Amino acid sequence: MKLTIGEVSKKTNLSVPTLRYYDREGLFPGLQRESGIRKFSEQELAGIQVIECLKKSGLSIPDIKQFMDWTTQGSETFEDRKNLFITQREQVEKQLNDLKQVDNLLRYKCWYYETAMKLGSEEAVRAIPFDKLPKDIQENYPFEQ
């Protein structure tokens, strides 16, 4: 199965200019052309998934290009590729932890203002002893105790 750039754009929700940019940057090392028209195979579609994953994990296009180059070099680059994914997982785990802290504060503030509306003031909410807060608020309290 060979797809045109327009078909790949629809299938992946990436714009045609983005796909052209990826091609210019060398992210599709095995991309075939027929009469000058890009023809994407399953290999490129799988590559797009990896490219988008690496981008979302914070990797730059030049670093993604390095990874794609490694994929064409065979088994001697397995360790480099594995290490790249280990590093990106560590970064994503840190981002997830940071987002968990953001989520904890947002949850707390939603509860706080909902409770303030019920009780009629912020002072009433601040007067609630910590051990009387709802369990989920206590467990994820965003401030130091």
Protein backbone atom coordinates (compact mmCIF):
# COMPACT_ATOMS: atom_id res chain seq x y z
CA MET A 1 0.00 0.00 0.00
CA LYS A 2 1.38 3.37 -1.00
CA LEU A 3 -0.31 6.60 0.06
CA THR A 4 0.04 10.13 -1.26
CA ILE A 5 0.96 12.97 1.06
CA GLY A 6 -2.70 14.12 1.06
CA GLU A 7 -3.91 10.69 2.11
CA VAL A 8 -1.28 10.52 4.85
CA SER A 9 -2.30 13.99 6.01
CA LYS A 10 -5.92 12.87 6.42
CA LYS A 11 -4.94 9.60 8.08
CA THR A 12 -2.54 11.19 10.58
CA ASN A 13 -4.16 14.61 11.11
CA LEU A 14 -0.84 16.23 10.22
CA SER A 15 -0.84 19.01 7.68
CA VAL A 16 0.70 18.54 4.25
CA PRO A 17 3.26 21.30 5.00
CA THR A 18 4.26 19.48 8.20
CA LEU A 19 4.79 16.23 6.30
CA ARG A 20 6.81 18.05 3.65
CA TYR A 21 8.90 19.66 6.40
CA TYR A 22 9.56 16.25 7.98
CA ASP A 23 10.63 14.95 4.57
CA ARG A 24 12.95 17.92 3.97
CA GLU A 25 14.50 17.37 7.39
CA GLY A 26 15.26 13.76 6.48
CA LEU A 27 12.81 12.08 8.84
CA PHE A 28 11.65 9.62 6.16
CA PRO A 29 14.93 8.05 5.04
CA GLY A 30 13.30 5.36 2.89
CA LEU A 31 10.51 7.44 1.34
CA GLN A 32 9.84 6.44 -2.27
CA ARG A 33 8.89 8.82 -5.04
CA GLU A 34 7.01 7.98 -8.23
CA SER A 35 7.29 10.68 -10.89
CA GLY A 36 8.31 13.11 -8.13
CA ILE A 37 5.26 12.31 -5.98
CA ARG A 38 5.93 11.10 -2.43
CA LYS A 39 4.56 7.61 -1.81
CA PHE A 40 4.25 6.72 1.85
CA SER A 41 4.37 3.09 2.94
CA GLU A 42 3.44 1.43 6.23
CA GLN A 43 7.04 2.05 7.28
CA GLU A 44 6.62 5.83 6.99
CA LEU A 45 3.25 5.68 8.76
CA ALA A 46 4.89 3.82 11.66
CA GLY A 47 7.71 6.38 11.56
CA ILE A 48 5.22 9.21 11.85
CA GLN A 49 3.89 7.68 15.07
CA VAL A 50 7.42 7.56 16.49
CA ILE A 51 8.20 11.10 15.29
CA GLU A 52 5.05 12.48 16.92
CA CYS A 53 5.77 10.56 20.14
CA LEU A 54 9.31 11.89 20.30
CA LYS A 55 8.15 15.44 19.54
CA LYS A 56 5.55 15.27 22.31
CA SER A 57 8.23 13.99 24.68
CA GLY A 58 10.24 17.16 23.99
CA LEU A 59 12.81 15.92 21.48
CA SER A 60 13.94 18.39 18.82
CA ILE A 61 13.67 17.73 15.08
CA PRO A 62 17.48 17.44 14.71
CA ASP A 63 17.54 14.84 17.49
CA ILE A 64 14.64 12.97 15.90
CA LYS A 65 16.60 13.05 12.63
CA GLN A 66 19.54 11.49 14.47
CA PHE A 67 17.24 8.72 15.68
CA MET A 68 15.88 8.14 12.17
CA ASP A 69 19.45 7.97 10.86
CA TRP A 70 20.26 5.37 13.51
CA THR A 71 17.34 3.24 12.30
CA THR A 72 19.04 2.91 8.92
CA GLN A 73 22.41 1.91 10.42
CA GLY A 74 21.42 -1.48 11.76
CA SER A 75 21.98 -3.27 15.02
CA GLU A 76 25.09 -1.34 16.05
CA THR A 77 22.83 1.59 17.00
CA PHE A 78 20.38 -0.40 19.13
CA GLU A 79 21.95 0.84 22.36
CA ASP A 80 21.88 4.47 21.18
CA ARG A 81 18.23 4.14 20.24
CA LYS A 82 17.34 2.46 23.52
CA ASN A 83 19.17 5.15 25.51
CA LEU A 84 17.31 7.88 23.63
CA PHE A 85 13.99 6.31 24.64
CA ILE A 86 15.14 5.87 28.24
CA THR A 87 16.06 9.56 28.40
CA GLN A 88 12.74 10.62 26.88
CA ARG A 89 10.79 8.39 29.30
CA GLU A 90 12.59 10.05 32.22
CA GLN A 91 11.64 13.47 30.88
CA VAL A 92 8.02 12.42 30.37
CA GLU A 93 7.87 10.99 33.90
CA LYS A 94 9.09 14.33 35.25
CA GLN A 95 6.48 16.16 33.16
CA LEU A 96 3.79 13.81 34.48
CA ASN A 97 4.89 14.48 38.07
CA ASP A 98 4.84 18.22 37.42
CA LEU A 99 1.36 17.95 35.89
CA LYS A 100 0.18 15.89 38.88
CA GLN A 101 1.19 18.78 41.14
CA VAL A 102 -0.69 21.21 38.89
CA ASP A 103 -3.72 18.92 38.95
CA ASN A 104 -3.58 18.70 42.76
CA LEU A 105 -3.64 22.49 43.07
CA LEU A 106 -6.48 22.83 40.55
CA ARG A 107 -8.54 20.17 42.38
CA TYR A 108 -7.88 21.87 45.69
CA LYS A 109 -8.90 25.29 44.39
CA CYS A 110 -12.10 23.87 42.85
CA TRP A 111 -12.98 22.28 46.19
CA TYR A 112 -11.93 25.44 48.05
CA TYR A 113 -14.21 27.78 46.09
CA GLU A 114 -17.07 25.33 45.96
CA THR A 115 -16.83 25.03 49.75
CA ALA A 116 -16.47 28.80 50.16
CA MET A 117 -19.71 29.28 48.19
CA LYS A 118 -21.50 26.71 50.38
CA LEU A 119 -20.17 28.16 53.65
CA GLY A 120 -20.40 31.78 52.56
CA SER A 121 -16.78 32.86 52.99
CA GLU A 122 -13.16 31.95 52.48
CA GLU A 123 -12.52 32.41 56.17
CA ALA A 124 -14.91 29.53 56.89
CA VAL A 125 -12.95 27.29 54.53
CA ARG A 126 -9.60 28.29 56.03
CA ALA A 127 -10.99 27.51 59.48
CA ILE A 128 -11.55 23.84 58.59
CA PRO A 129 -8.87 21.74 60.36
CA PHE A 130 -6.69 19.72 57.98
CA ASP A 131 -7.91 16.40 59.40
CA LYS A 132 -11.50 17.44 58.61
CA LEU A 133 -10.81 18.11 54.92
CA PRO A 134 -12.15 15.51 52.49
CA LYS A 135 -9.80 12.52 52.26
CA ASP A 136 -8.98 13.11 48.56
CA ILE A 137 -8.04 16.72 49.37
CA GLN A 138 -5.84 15.60 52.29
CA GLU A 139 -4.13 12.92 50.18
CA ASN A 140 -3.31 15.36 47.38
CA TYR A 141 -2.92 18.56 49.37
CA PRO A 142 -0.82 20.88 47.18
CA PHE A 143 0.82 22.86 49.98
CA GLU A 144 3.46 21.90 52.50
CA GLN A 145 2.14 20.92 55.90
